[in-house]
Amino acid sequence: MNTKMQTEIASMKEGGKRLGNILQKLLDAARVGVSLLAIEAMADDLIKKAGGTASFKTVKGYQWATCLCVNEVVVHGIPIAYELKDGDVLTIDAGMMYEGLHTDTAWTKEVKSHPSGLGTKVKSSEEKEKFLKIGEEALWKAIDQARVGNRIGHISRTIQTIIEGAGYSIVKTLVGHGVGRNLHEPPQIPGFLKDTIENTMLLEEGMTIAIEVIYAMGGGEIVYDNADGWTLATRDRSLSAVFEHSIAITRDGPLILTKAGE
């Protein structure tokens, strides 16, 4: 069982808070006309200034601090020179190793030329806002299930019920995961229920996991988007989003490790 000592969880909480603050700054900076490369450079700089190491750079063959996914790109989007456009849906995914322990977080936003959404097609913007709101709701409710005595299936069922109940699709080939001493650890945290809840892993005090809501507006099938070996996109080119927090399971309930704060 990949449980952590209280001292390790304390380090992950501090590193995760710093990462959460970095993610918030990156989301704020992601505006019309800003390039993905500029967001990547900012992330790399902020992680170093926070006393951390970019977790994603510890993955063999991956040399960036972030994954930046636009519109139909689901995960592993490599930062490129693309400049954000009005109405783009952008996922920023980042990880940081702090005091030898990793945390991982991601969030999706619609890039708008005006805070009120002026300049976009109103109907289109409303559809995107609903799409993103559902994913965020699924994450918060899934986190609430991460309690001692519950099972991974409680988390999975919650995500699936909310996403599919809204008419969207879970990307079933991608899952959440344990996190801490390594960026990716057991157990896997699917966004859908593969089996009966009783046959899924029991959640225990001290476990640290990254809960990910990975879903699409259309179908949930994904394909490699190009020849870079990383970028995965929806097969039907429908919009995709990811909402992710690293959490610790404590006797007092779920502790969000990657929450921004002072």
C-alpha atoms as a PDB file:
ATOM      1  CA  MET A   1       0.000   0.000   0.000  1.00  0.00           C
ATOM      2  CA  ASN A   2       1.387   3.377  -1.027  1.00  0.00           C
ATOM      3  CA  THR A   3       0.666   5.237   2.193  1.00  0.00           C
ATOM      4  CA  LYS A   4       2.724   8.202   3.380  1.00  0.00           C
ATOM      5  CA  MET A   5       3.964   9.311   6.775  1.00  0.00           C
ATOM      6  CA  GLN A   6       2.588  12.531   8.243  1.00  0.00           C
ATOM      7  CA  THR A   7       5.902  14.290   7.565  1.00  0.00           C
ATOM      8  CA  GLU A   8       5.691  13.305   3.894  1.00  0.00           C
ATOM      9  CA  ILE A   9       2.113  14.523   3.643  1.00  0.00           C
ATOM     10  CA  ALA A  10       3.185  17.819   5.225  1.00  0.00           C
ATOM     11  CA  SER A  11       5.878  18.228   2.554  1.00  0.00           C
ATOM     12  CA  MET A  12       3.383  17.357  -0.173  1.00  0.00           C
ATOM     13  CA  LYS A  13       0.920  19.879   1.242  1.00  0.00           C
ATOM     14  CA  GLU A  14       3.528  22.650   1.146  1.00  0.00           C
ATOM     15  CA  GLY A  15       4.769  21.695  -2.323  1.00  0.00           C
ATOM     16  CA  GLY A  16       1.211  21.244  -3.555  1.00  0.00           C
ATOM     17  CA  LYS A  17       0.163  24.663  -2.268  1.00  0.00           C
ATOM     18  CA  ARG A  18       3.079  26.218  -4.126  1.00  0.00           C
ATOM     19  CA  LEU A  19       2.109  24.296  -7.258  1.00  0.00           C
ATOM     20  CA  GLY A  20      -1.524  25.384  -6.866  1.00  0.00           C
ATOM     21  CA  ASN A  21      -0.424  29.008  -6.717  1.00  0.00           C
ATOM     22  CA  ILE A  22       1.698  28.503  -9.825  1.00  0.00           C
ATOM     23  CA  LEU A  23      -1.213  26.948 -11.711  1.00  0.00           C
ATOM     24  CA  GLN A  24      -3.431  29.894 -10.792  1.00  0.00           C
ATOM     25  CA  LYS A  25      -0.849  32.335 -12.158  1.00  0.00           C
ATOM     26  CA  LEU A  26      -0.581  30.321 -15.372  1.00  0.00           C
ATOM     27  CA  LEU A  27      -4.357  30.274 -15.807  1.00  0.00           C
ATOM     28  CA  ASP A  28      -4.509  34.029 -15.255  1.00  0.00           C
ATOM     29  CA  ALA A  29      -1.758  34.537 -17.853  1.00  0.00           C
ATOM     30  CA  ALA A  30      -3.499  32.375 -20.463  1.00  0.00           C
ATOM     31  CA  ARG A  31      -5.146  35.074 -22.552  1.00  0.00           C
ATOM     32  CA  VAL A  32      -5.865  35.763 -26.211  1.00  0.00           C
ATOM     33  CA  GLY A  33      -2.591  36.197 -28.102  1.00  0.00           C
ATOM     34  CA  VAL A  34      -0.402  34.465 -25.501  1.00  0.00           C
ATOM     35  CA  SER A  35       1.612  31.536 -26.863  1.00  0.00           C
ATOM     36  CA  LEU A  36       1.806  28.103 -25.297  1.00  0.00           C
ATOM     37  CA  LEU A  37       5.577  28.474 -25.249  1.00  0.00           C
ATOM     38  CA  ALA A  38       5.236  31.616 -23.119  1.00  0.00           C
ATOM     39  CA  ILE A  39       3.056  29.741 -20.616  1.00  0.00           C
ATOM     40  CA  GLU A  40       5.595  26.910 -20.513  1.00  0.00           C
ATOM     41  CA  ALA A  41       8.498  29.315 -19.913  1.00  0.00           C
ATOM     42  CA  MET A  42       6.545  30.990 -17.116  1.00  0.00           C
ATOM     43  CA  ALA A  43       5.778  27.635 -15.500  1.00  0.00           C
ATOM     44  CA  ASP A  44       9.392  26.513 -15.671  1.00  0.00           C
ATOM     45  CA  ASP A  45      10.553  29.751 -14.051  1.00  0.00           C
ATOM     46  CA  LEU A  46       7.907  29.745 -11.319  1.00  0.00           C
ATOM     47  CA  ILE A  47       8.585  26.109 -10.370  1.00  0.00           C
ATOM     48  CA  LYS A  48      12.292  26.848  -9.956  1.00  0.00           C
ATOM     49  CA  LYS A  49      11.567  29.986  -7.917  1.00  0.00           C
ATOM     50  CA  ALA A  50       9.240  27.942  -5.701  1.00  0.00           C
ATOM     51  CA  GLY A  51      12.147  25.662  -4.805  1.00  0.00           C
ATOM     52  CA  GLY A  52      10.834  22.752  -6.817  1.00  0.00           C
ATOM     53  CA  THR A  53      11.644  20.607  -9.805  1.00  0.00           C
ATOM     54  CA  ALA A  54       9.269  20.162 -12.729  1.00  0.00           C
ATOM     55  CA  SER A  55       7.838  16.666 -12.237  1.00  0.00           C
ATOM     56  CA  PHE A  56       7.027  16.176 -15.894  1.00  0.00           C
ATOM     57  CA  LYS A  57      10.697  16.565 -16.800  1.00  0.00           C
ATOM     58  CA  THR A  58      11.388  13.425 -14.769  1.00  0.00           C
ATOM     59  CA  VAL A  59       9.289  11.424 -17.249  1.00  0.00           C
ATOM     60  CA  LYS A  60      11.559   9.679 -19.742  1.00  0.00           C
ATOM     61  CA  GLY A  61      11.570  11.510 -23.073  1.00  0.00           C
ATOM     62  CA  TYR A  62       9.509  14.472 -21.877  1.00  0.00           C
ATOM     63  CA  GLN A  63      11.386  17.781 -21.630  1.00  0.00           C
ATOM     64  CA  TRP A  64       8.692  20.287 -20.641  1.00  0.00           C
ATOM     65  CA  ALA A  65       7.323  21.512 -17.303  1.00  0.00           C
ATOM     66  CA  THR A  66       3.704  21.503 -18.501  1.00  0.00           C
ATOM     67  CA  CYS A  67       1.255  19.743 -20.724  1.00  0.00           C
ATOM     68  CA  LEU A  68      -0.860  22.345 -22.548  1.00  0.00           C
ATOM     69  CA  CYS A  69      -3.946  21.016 -24.274  1.00  0.00           C
ATOM     70  CA  VAL A  70      -6.114  23.139 -26.560  1.00  0.00           C
ATOM     71  CA  ASN A  71      -9.673  22.237 -27.585  1.00  0.00           C
ATOM     72  CA  GLU A  72      -9.724  18.607 -28.804  1.00  0.00           C
ATOM     73  CA  VAL A  73      -6.336  17.771 -27.263  1.00  0.00           C
ATOM     74  CA  VAL A  74      -6.997  15.691 -24.141  1.00  0.00           C
ATOM     75  CA  VAL A  75      -3.601  15.150 -22.484  1.00  0.00           C
ATOM     76  CA  HIS A  76       0.161  15.373 -23.065  1.00  0.00           C
ATOM     77  CA  GLY A  77      -0.071  18.428 -25.285  1.00  0.00           C
ATOM     78  CA  ILE A  78       3.469  19.639 -25.930  1.00  0.00           C
ATOM     79  CA  PRO A  79       3.996  23.420 -25.576  1.00  0.00           C
ATOM     80  CA  ILE A  80       4.335  24.902 -29.053  1.00  0.00           C
ATOM     81  CA  ALA A  81       4.301  28.370 -30.628  1.00  0.00           C
ATOM     82  CA  TYR A  82       0.498  28.343 -31.014  1.00  0.00           C
ATOM     83  CA  GLU A  83      -1.101  31.608 -29.818  1.00  0.00           C
ATOM     84  CA  LEU A  84      -4.364  31.315 -27.903  1.00  0.00           C
ATOM     85  CA  LYS A  85      -7.502  32.490 -29.673  1.00  0.00           C
ATOM     86  CA  ASP A  86     -10.815  33.791 -28.385  1.00  0.00           C
ATOM     87  CA  GLY A  87     -12.995  30.817 -27.440  1.00  0.00           C
ATOM     88  CA  ASP A  88     -10.174  28.280 -27.101  1.00  0.00           C
ATOM     89  CA  VAL A  89     -10.562  25.735 -24.316  1.00  0.00           C
ATOM     90  CA  LEU A  90      -7.179  25.297 -22.618  1.00  0.00           C
ATOM     91  CA  THR A  91      -6.076  22.698 -20.084  1.00  0.00           C
ATOM     92  CA  ILE A  92      -2.925  23.457 -18.096  1.00  0.00           C
ATOM     93  CA  ASP A  93      -1.435  20.383 -16.419  1.00  0.00           C
ATOM     94  CA  ALA A  94       1.639  20.679 -14.194  1.00  0.00           C
ATOM     95  CA  GLY A  95       3.509  18.705 -11.560  1.00  0.00           C
ATOM     96  CA  MET A  96       6.204  19.675  -9.085  1.00  0.00           C
ATOM     97  CA  MET A  97       8.642  17.711  -6.958  1.00  0.00           C
ATOM     98  CA  TYR A  98       9.262  19.472  -3.647  1.00  0.00           C
ATOM     99  CA  GLU A  99      11.433  18.001  -0.896  1.00  0.00           C
ATOM    100  CA  GLY A 100      11.580  14.808  -2.940  1.00  0.00           C
ATOM    101  CA  LEU A 101       7.808  14.376  -3.257  1.00  0.00           C
ATOM    102  CA  HIS A 102       5.547  15.004  -6.252  1.00  0.00           C
ATOM    103  CA  THR A 103       2.140  16.647  -6.568  1.00  0.00           C
ATOM    104  CA  ASP A 104       0.120  16.941  -9.768  1.00  0.00           C
ATOM    105  CA  THR A 105      -2.728  19.247 -10.769  1.00  0.00           C
ATOM    106  CA  ALA A 106      -4.635  20.414 -13.845  1.00  0.00           C
ATOM    107  CA  TRP A 107      -7.424  22.837 -14.696  1.00  0.00           C
ATOM    108  CA  THR A 108      -9.312  23.857 -17.824  1.00  0.00           C
ATOM    109  CA  LYS A 109     -10.578  27.318 -18.808  1.00  0.00           C
ATOM    110  CA  GLU A 110     -12.158  29.013 -21.780  1.00  0.00           C
ATOM    111  CA  VAL A 111      -9.950  31.773 -23.148  1.00  0.00           C
ATOM    112  CA  LYS A 112     -12.005  34.911 -23.697  1.00  0.00           C
ATOM    113  CA  SER A 113     -11.147  38.262 -25.216  1.00  0.00           C
ATOM    114  CA  HIS A 114     -13.405  39.931 -22.658  1.00  0.00           C
ATOM    115  CA  PRO A 115     -14.315  38.720 -19.125  1.00  0.00           C
ATOM    116  CA  SER A 116     -18.025  38.870 -19.915  1.00  0.00           C
ATOM    117  CA  GLY A 117     -17.575  36.724 -22.991  1.00  0.00           C
ATOM    118  CA  LEU A 118     -18.259  39.573 -25.414  1.00  0.00           C
ATOM    119  CA  GLY A 119     -16.681  38.916 -28.749  1.00  0.00           C
ATOM    120  CA  THR A 120     -17.551  35.211 -28.631  1.00  0.00           C
ATOM    121  CA  LYS A 121     -20.586  33.472 -30.000  1.00  0.00           C
ATOM    122  CA  VAL A 122     -22.848  33.574 -26.953  1.00  0.00           C
ATOM    123  CA  LYS A 123     -24.417  30.144 -27.489  1.00  0.00           C
ATOM    124  CA  SER A 124     -21.029  28.543 -28.044  1.00  0.00           C
ATOM    125  CA  SER A 125     -19.606  30.182 -24.938  1.00  0.00           C
ATOM    126  CA  GLU A 126     -22.592  29.060 -22.836  1.00  0.00           C
ATOM    127  CA  GLU A 127     -22.092  25.484 -24.021  1.00  0.00           C
ATOM    128  CA  LYS A 128     -18.420  25.590 -23.066  1.00  0.00           C
ATOM    129  CA  GLU A 129     -19.179  27.132 -19.682  1.00  0.00           C
ATOM    130  CA  LYS A 130     -21.661  24.360 -18.912  1.00  0.00           C
ATOM    131  CA  PHE A 131     -19.173  21.731 -20.103  1.00  0.00           C
ATOM    132  CA  LEU A 132     -16.434  23.046 -17.816  1.00  0.00           C
ATOM    133  CA  LYS A 133     -18.748  23.581 -14.852  1.00  0.00           C
ATOM    134  CA  ILE A 134     -19.797  19.926 -14.974  1.00  0.00           C
ATOM    135  CA  GLY A 135     -16.176  18.750 -14.910  1.00  0.00           C
ATOM    136  CA  GLU A 136     -15.349  20.958 -11.955  1.00  0.00           C
ATOM    137  CA  GLU A 137     -18.438  19.734 -10.091  1.00  0.00           C
ATOM    138  CA  ALA A 138     -17.424  16.122 -10.770  1.00  0.00           C
ATOM    139  CA  LEU A 139     -13.973  16.737  -9.307  1.00  0.00           C
ATOM    140  CA  TRP A 140     -15.227  18.307  -6.068  1.00  0.00           C
ATOM    141  CA  LYS A 141     -17.794  15.571  -5.526  1.00  0.00           C
ATOM    142  CA  ALA A 142     -15.258  12.859  -6.342  1.00  0.00           C
ATOM    143  CA  ILE A 143     -12.810  14.329  -3.835  1.00  0.00           C
ATOM    144  CA  ASP A 144     -15.540  14.207  -1.192  1.00  0.00           C
ATOM    145  CA  GLN A 145     -15.702  10.433  -1.708  1.00  0.00           C
ATOM    146  CA  ALA A 146     -11.981  10.026  -0.921  1.00  0.00           C
ATOM    147  CA  ARG A 147     -12.515   8.978   2.676  1.00  0.00           C
ATOM    148  CA  VAL A 148     -11.174   6.223   4.908  1.00  0.00           C
ATOM    149  CA  GLY A 149     -13.413   3.172   4.502  1.00  0.00           C
ATOM    150  CA  ASN A 150     -14.699   4.119   1.053  1.00  0.00           C
ATOM    151  CA  ARG A 151     -13.294   2.480  -2.055  1.00  0.00           C
ATOM    152  CA  ILE A 152     -11.805   3.731  -5.311  1.00  0.00           C
ATOM    153  CA  GLY A 153     -15.089   2.711  -6.911  1.00  0.00           C
ATOM    154  CA  HIS A 154     -16.902   5.421  -4.954  1.00  0.00           C
ATOM    155  CA  ILE A 155     -14.674   8.020  -6.624  1.00  0.00           C
ATOM    156  CA  SER A 156     -15.030   6.418 -10.062  1.00  0.00           C
ATOM    157  CA  ARG A 157     -18.803   6.087  -9.870  1.00  0.00           C
ATOM    158  CA  THR A 158     -19.212   9.711  -8.798  1.00  0.00           C
ATOM    159  CA  ILE A 159     -17.201  11.020 -11.756  1.00  0.00           C
ATOM    160  CA  GLN A 160     -19.007   8.756 -14.226  1.00  0.00           C
ATOM    161  CA  THR A 161     -22.480   9.579 -12.911  1.00  0.00           C
ATOM    162  CA  ILE A 162     -21.979  13.344 -13.154  1.00  0.00           C
ATOM    163  CA  ILE A 163     -20.166  13.412 -16.512  1.00  0.00           C
ATOM    164  CA  GLU A 164     -22.391  10.918 -18.310  1.00  0.00           C
ATOM    165  CA  GLY A 165     -25.497  12.335 -16.625  1.00  0.00           C
ATOM    166  CA  ALA A 166     -24.752  15.646 -18.342  1.00  0.00           C
ATOM    167  CA  GLY A 167     -24.465  13.933 -21.736  1.00  0.00           C
ATOM    168  CA  TYR A 168     -20.660  13.923 -21.960  1.00  0.00           C
ATOM    169  CA  SER A 169     -18.171  11.054 -22.230  1.00  0.00           C
ATOM    170  CA  ILE A 170     -15.454   9.764 -19.912  1.00  0.00           C
ATOM    171  CA  VAL A 171     -12.093   9.194 -21.601  1.00  0.00           C
ATOM    172  CA  LYS A 172     -11.772   5.649 -20.299  1.00  0.00           C
ATOM    173  CA  THR A 173      -8.219   4.929 -21.454  1.00  0.00           C
ATOM    174  CA  LEU A 174      -6.797   7.620 -19.141  1.00  0.00           C
ATOM    175  CA  VAL A 175      -6.994   7.492 -15.349  1.00  0.00           C
ATOM    176  CA  GLY A 176      -5.997   9.217 -12.139  1.00  0.00           C
ATOM    177  CA  HIS A 177      -3.209   7.698 -10.077  1.00  0.00           C
ATOM    178  CA  GLY A 178      -1.291   7.519  -6.848  1.00  0.00           C
ATOM    179  CA  VAL A 179       1.268  10.284  -6.392  1.00  0.00           C
ATOM    180  CA  GLY A 180       4.105  11.119  -4.011  1.00  0.00           C
ATOM    181  CA  ARG A 181       7.507   9.464  -4.050  1.00  0.00           C
ATOM    182  CA  ASN A 182       6.944   9.071  -7.776  1.00  0.00           C
ATOM    183  CA  LEU A 183       4.821  11.149 -10.131  1.00  0.00           C
ATOM    184  CA  HIS A 184       2.765   8.072 -11.013  1.00  0.00           C
ATOM    185  CA  GLU A 185       2.211   5.404  -8.388  1.00  0.00           C
ATOM    186  CA  PRO A 186      -0.389   2.718  -7.752  1.00  0.00           C
ATOM    187  CA  PRO A 187      -3.331   2.643  -7.513  1.00  0.00           C
ATOM    188  CA  GLN A 188      -5.088   3.697 -10.682  1.00  0.00           C
ATOM    189  CA  ILE A 189      -8.156   5.920 -10.160  1.00  0.00           C
ATOM    190  CA  PRO A 190     -10.486   5.411 -13.153  1.00  0.00           C
ATOM    191  CA  GLY A 191     -13.158   7.961 -13.992  1.00  0.00           C
ATOM    192  CA  PHE A 192     -15.695   5.192 -14.474  1.00  0.00           C
ATOM    193  CA  LEU A 193     -16.713   2.050 -12.627  1.00  0.00           C
ATOM    194  CA  LYS A 194     -15.091  -1.005 -14.225  1.00  0.00           C
ATOM    195  CA  ASP A 195     -16.386  -3.495 -11.669  1.00  0.00           C
ATOM    196  CA  THR A 196     -18.576  -3.560  -8.599  1.00  0.00           C
ATOM    197  CA  ILE A 197     -17.497  -1.070  -5.949  1.00  0.00           C
ATOM    198  CA  GLU A 198     -16.829  -3.960  -3.553  1.00  0.00           C
ATOM    199  CA  ASN A 199     -14.141  -5.284  -5.898  1.00  0.00           C
ATOM    200  CA  THR A 200     -12.216  -1.993  -5.979  1.00  0.00           C
ATOM    201  CA  MET A 201      -9.423  -1.015  -3.593  1.00  0.00           C
ATOM    202  CA  LEU A 202     -10.222   0.130  -0.076  1.00  0.00           C
ATOM    203  CA  LEU A 203      -9.102   3.677   0.708  1.00  0.00           C
ATOM    204  CA  GLU A 204      -6.829   3.926   3.745  1.00  0.00           C
ATOM    205  CA  GLU A 205      -5.461   6.741   5.861  1.00  0.00           C
ATOM    206  CA  GLY A 206      -2.192   8.110   4.459  1.00  0.00           C
ATOM    207  CA  MET A 207      -2.866   7.326   0.810  1.00  0.00           C
ATOM    208  CA  THR A 208      -2.008  10.178  -1.579  1.00  0.00           C
ATOM    209  CA  ILE A 209      -3.741  10.156  -4.951  1.00  0.00           C
ATOM    210  CA  ALA A 210      -4.317  12.410  -7.939  1.00  0.00           C
ATOM    211  CA  ILE A 211      -8.007  12.407  -8.847  1.00  0.00           C
ATOM    212  CA  GLU A 212      -8.535  13.327 -12.502  1.00  0.00           C
ATOM    213  CA  VAL A 213     -11.761  14.071 -14.321  1.00  0.00           C
ATOM    214  CA  ILE A 214     -10.855  13.480 -17.986  1.00  0.00           C
ATOM    215  CA  TYR A 215     -13.797  13.810 -20.333  1.00  0.00           C
ATOM    216  CA  ALA A 216     -15.036  14.974 -23.730  1.00  0.00           C
ATOM    217  CA  MET A 217     -18.026  16.817 -25.097  1.00  0.00           C
ATOM    218  CA  GLY A 218     -18.461  14.161 -27.781  1.00  0.00           C
ATOM    219  CA  GLY A 219     -17.141  10.605 -27.753  1.00  0.00           C
ATOM    220  CA  GLY A 220     -14.461   9.443 -25.343  1.00  0.00           C
ATOM    221  CA  GLU A 221     -12.181   7.695 -27.831  1.00  0.00           C
ATOM    222  CA  ILE A 222      -8.717   9.200 -28.271  1.00  0.00           C
ATOM    223  CA  VAL A 223      -5.978   9.035 -30.887  1.00  0.00           C
ATOM    224  CA  TYR A 224      -2.451  10.340 -31.263  1.00  0.00           C
ATOM    225  CA  ASP A 225      -2.940  13.774 -32.762  1.00  0.00           C
ATOM    226  CA  ASN A 226       0.333  13.926 -34.656  1.00  0.00           C
ATOM    227  CA  ALA A 227       3.749  12.308 -34.900  1.00  0.00           C
ATOM    228  CA  ASP A 228       5.229  13.767 -31.693  1.00  0.00           C
ATOM    229  CA  GLY A 229       4.478  10.585 -29.767  1.00  0.00           C
ATOM    230  CA  TRP A 230       2.749  12.434 -26.922  1.00  0.00           C
ATOM    231  CA  THR A 231      -0.268  14.512 -27.946  1.00  0.00           C
ATOM    232  CA  LEU A 232      -3.557  12.650 -27.481  1.00  0.00           C
ATOM    233  CA  ALA A 233      -6.789  14.114 -28.865  1.00  0.00           C
ATOM    234  CA  THR A 234     -10.426  13.083 -29.177  1.00  0.00           C
ATOM    235  CA  ARG A 235     -11.030  10.922 -32.234  1.00  0.00           C
ATOM    236  CA  ASP A 236     -14.118  12.940 -33.172  1.00  0.00           C
ATOM    237  CA  ARG A 237     -12.315  16.277 -32.547  1.00  0.00           C
ATOM    238  CA  SER A 238     -14.800  17.248 -29.840  1.00  0.00           C
ATOM    239  CA  LEU A 239     -13.769  19.486 -26.962  1.00  0.00           C
ATOM    240  CA  SER A 240     -12.018  17.906 -23.996  1.00  0.00           C
ATOM    241  CA  ALA A 241     -11.186  19.028 -20.460  1.00  0.00           C
ATOM    242  CA  VAL A 242      -9.309  17.842 -17.373  1.00  0.00           C
ATOM    243  CA  PHE A 243      -9.770  18.808 -13.730  1.00  0.00           C
ATOM    244  CA  GLU A 244      -7.259  17.343 -11.295  1.00  0.00           C
ATOM    245  CA  HIS A 245      -6.138  17.736  -7.694  1.00  0.00           C
ATOM    246  CA  SER A 246      -3.673  15.732  -5.638  1.00  0.00           C
ATOM    247  CA  ILE A 247      -5.169  14.788  -2.284  1.00  0.00           C
ATOM    248  CA  ALA A 248      -4.297  12.931   0.904  1.00  0.00           C
ATOM    249  CA  ILE A 249      -6.761  10.631   2.635  1.00  0.00           C
ATOM    250  CA  THR A 250      -6.814  11.491   6.322  1.00  0.00           C
ATOM    251  CA  ARG A 251      -8.895  10.414   9.324  1.00  0.00           C
ATOM    252  CA  ASP A 252     -10.562  13.845   9.121  1.00  0.00           C
ATOM    253  CA  GLY A 253     -11.492  13.452   5.449  1.00  0.00           C
ATOM    254  CA  PRO A 254      -9.853  14.372   2.132  1.00  0.00           C
ATOM    255  CA  LEU A 255      -7.041  16.920   2.282  1.00  0.00           C
ATOM    256  CA  ILE A 256      -6.540  18.819  -0.990  1.00  0.00           C
ATOM    257  CA  LEU A 257      -2.776  19.092  -1.404  1.00  0.00           C
ATOM    258  CA  THR A 258      -2.687  21.229  -4.575  1.00  0.00           C
ATOM    259  CA  LYS A 259      -5.043  23.945  -3.364  1.00  0.00           C
ATOM    260  CA  ALA A 260      -3.676  27.466  -3.853  1.00  0.00           C
ATOM    261  CA  GLY A 261      -3.178  29.455  -0.685  1.00  0.00           C
ATOM    262  CA  GLU A 262      -0.993  31.747   1.377  1.00  0.00           C
END
